[in-house]
Every structure is written in C-alpha cells, then in structure tokens.
Amino acid sequence: MAIRPLLFGILFVAVFVGIILSLVWVDPSHPVRQPDPLAPSAPSPSAPAPVQ
C-alpha cells in the first residue's frame, strides 16, 4: 500500500499552501512599524518653546 507517500505528499502540499497563505495574509499596504501613540516625542522645530 502507498499510504505513507500519500501522507507525505499531502503534508508537503499543506505546508506549501500554508506558506503561500501566510505571505498573502500580510497586507503590504500598511506599514509594519507604527509609532507608539503614547511615546513621548521630541518637540518640533516649528512649535514655540514652552514659557517657564
């Protein structure tokens, strides 16, 4: 019986399809690294300095 090669073939195709789907799942239109909205940012040069 050729059960073992059939199982290996199905497993290989499943892994291949999984890799393709994982590449398609990542949407390239969105940036990968987005700035943290709560992180402190340096003051911009156009902003006036705070009065002390």
N, C-alpha and C. Protein backbone atom coordinates (compact mmCIF):
# COMPACT_ATOMS: atom_id res chain seq x y z
N MET A 1 0.85 -1.19 0.00
CA MET A 1 0.00 0.00 0.00
C MET A 1 0.89 1.25 0.00
N ALA A 2 0.43 2.26 -0.68
CA ALA A 2 1.20 3.50 -0.80
C ALA A 2 0.58 4.58 0.07
N ILE A 3 0.35 4.25 1.32
CA ILE A 3 -0.28 5.22 2.22
C ILE A 3 0.74 6.25 2.69
N ARG A 4 1.96 5.80 3.03
CA ARG A 4 2.97 6.71 3.57
C ARG A 4 3.37 7.79 2.55
N PRO A 5 3.67 7.45 1.30
CA PRO A 5 3.98 8.53 0.35
C PRO A 5 2.81 9.47 0.11
N LEU A 6 1.60 8.96 0.17
CA LEU A 6 0.43 9.81 0.02
C LEU A 6 0.33 10.81 1.17
N LEU A 7 0.57 10.35 2.39
CA LEU A 7 0.53 11.24 3.54
C LEU A 7 1.63 12.30 3.46
N PHE A 8 2.83 11.89 3.05
CA PHE A 8 3.92 12.85 2.91
C PHE A 8 3.62 13.88 1.82
N GLY A 9 2.99 13.45 0.74
CA GLY A 9 2.63 14.38 -0.32
C GLY A 9 1.58 15.38 0.13
N ILE A 10 0.57 14.89 0.86
CA ILE A 10 -0.47 15.79 1.36
C ILE A 10 0.13 16.77 2.37
N LEU A 11 1.03 16.29 3.23
CA LEU A 11 1.67 17.17 4.20
C LEU A 11 2.52 18.23 3.51
N PHE A 12 3.25 17.84 2.48
CA PHE A 12 4.08 18.79 1.74
C PHE A 12 3.21 19.86 1.08
N VAL A 13 2.12 19.46 0.45
CA VAL A 13 1.23 20.42 -0.20
C VAL A 13 0.59 21.33 0.84
N ALA A 14 0.23 20.79 2.00
CA ALA A 14 -0.39 21.60 3.05
C ALA A 14 0.59 22.65 3.57
N VAL A 15 1.84 22.27 3.76
CA VAL A 15 2.85 23.24 4.21
C VAL A 15 3.08 24.30 3.14
N PHE A 16 3.15 23.89 1.91
CA PHE A 16 3.36 24.84 0.81
C PHE A 16 2.20 25.84 0.73
N VAL A 17 0.98 25.35 0.81
CA VAL A 17 -0.19 26.23 0.76
C VAL A 17 -0.21 27.14 1.99
N GLY A 18 0.20 26.62 3.16
CA GLY A 18 0.26 27.45 4.36
C GLY A 18 1.25 28.58 4.23
N ILE A 19 2.40 28.32 3.61
CA ILE A 19 3.39 29.38 3.40
C ILE A 19 2.84 30.44 2.45
N ILE A 20 2.20 30.01 1.38
CA ILE A 20 1.63 30.97 0.42
C ILE A 20 0.54 31.82 1.09
N LEU A 21 -0.32 31.18 1.88
CA LEU A 21 -1.38 31.93 2.54
C LEU A 21 -0.82 32.90 3.58
N SER A 22 0.26 32.51 4.27
CA SER A 22 0.84 33.42 5.26
C SER A 22 1.48 34.62 4.59
N LEU A 23 2.02 34.46 3.39
CA LEU A 23 2.57 35.61 2.67
C LEU A 23 1.46 36.52 2.17
N VAL A 24 0.36 35.96 1.74
CA VAL A 24 -0.75 36.77 1.23
C VAL A 24 -1.48 37.45 2.39
N TRP A 25 -1.46 36.82 3.58
CA TRP A 25 -2.19 37.35 4.74
C TRP A 25 -1.64 38.70 5.16
N VAL A 26 -0.33 38.91 5.04
CA VAL A 26 0.30 40.17 5.43
C VAL A 26 -0.02 41.21 4.36
N ASP A 27 -0.69 42.27 4.76
CA ASP A 27 -1.10 43.31 3.82
C ASP A 27 0.06 44.28 3.63
N PRO A 28 0.63 44.37 2.44
CA PRO A 28 1.78 45.25 2.25
C PRO A 28 1.41 46.74 2.20
N SER A 29 0.13 47.08 2.19
CA SER A 29 -0.24 48.49 2.11
C SER A 29 -0.12 49.19 3.46
N HIS A 30 -0.09 48.43 4.55
CA HIS A 30 0.04 49.03 5.88
C HIS A 30 1.50 48.99 6.30
N PRO A 31 2.00 50.05 6.95
CA PRO A 31 3.39 50.00 7.43
C PRO A 31 3.55 48.97 8.54
N VAL A 32 4.69 48.34 8.56
CA VAL A 32 4.93 47.29 9.55
C VAL A 32 5.17 47.91 10.92
N ARG A 33 5.95 48.99 10.97
CA ARG A 33 6.29 49.62 12.24
C ARG A 33 5.54 50.93 12.36
N GLN A 34 4.63 51.02 13.30
CA GLN A 34 3.89 52.25 13.52
C GLN A 34 4.37 52.86 14.84
N PRO A 35 4.47 54.19 14.89
CA PRO A 35 4.93 54.81 16.14
C PRO A 35 3.91 54.62 17.26
N ASP A 36 4.42 54.48 18.45
CA ASP A 36 3.57 54.31 19.62
C ASP A 36 2.87 55.64 19.90
N PRO A 37 1.54 55.69 19.97
CA PRO A 37 0.87 56.98 20.19
C PRO A 37 1.13 57.56 21.57
N LEU A 38 1.52 56.73 22.54
CA LEU A 38 1.76 57.23 23.89
C LEU A 38 3.23 57.54 24.15
N ALA A 39 4.09 57.31 23.19
CA ALA A 39 5.51 57.56 23.39
C ALA A 39 5.77 59.06 23.37
N PRO A 40 6.66 59.53 24.26
CA PRO A 40 6.98 60.97 24.22
C PRO A 40 7.75 61.30 22.96
N SER A 41 7.40 62.40 22.35
CA SER A 41 8.06 62.80 21.11
C SER A 41 8.82 64.09 21.34
N ALA A 42 9.86 64.27 20.56
CA ALA A 42 10.66 65.49 20.65
C ALA A 42 9.84 66.65 20.09
N PRO A 43 9.97 67.83 20.67
CA PRO A 43 9.21 68.97 20.14
C PRO A 43 9.67 69.32 18.74
N SER A 44 8.73 69.66 17.91
CA SER A 44 9.08 70.01 16.55
C SER A 44 9.71 71.39 16.52
N PRO A 45 10.58 71.66 15.55
CA PRO A 45 11.23 72.98 15.50
C PRO A 45 10.25 74.11 15.24
N SER A 46 9.11 73.84 14.62
CA SER A 46 8.17 74.91 14.33
C SER A 46 7.33 75.27 15.54
N ALA A 47 7.28 74.39 16.55
CA ALA A 47 6.46 74.67 17.74
C ALA A 47 7.19 75.66 18.64
N PRO A 48 6.48 76.58 19.22
CA PRO A 48 7.15 77.53 20.14
C PRO A 48 7.59 76.83 21.41
N ALA A 49 8.65 77.34 22.00
CA ALA A 49 9.16 76.77 23.24
C ALA A 49 8.19 77.10 24.37
N PRO A 50 8.02 76.19 25.32
CA PRO A 50 7.10 76.48 26.44
C PRO A 50 7.65 77.60 27.33
N VAL A 51 6.75 78.42 27.81
CA VAL A 51 7.12 79.54 28.68
C VAL A 51 7.28 79.01 30.09
N GLN A 52 8.39 79.43 30.74
CA GLN A 52 8.62 78.95 32.10
C GLN A 52 8.39 80.04 33.11
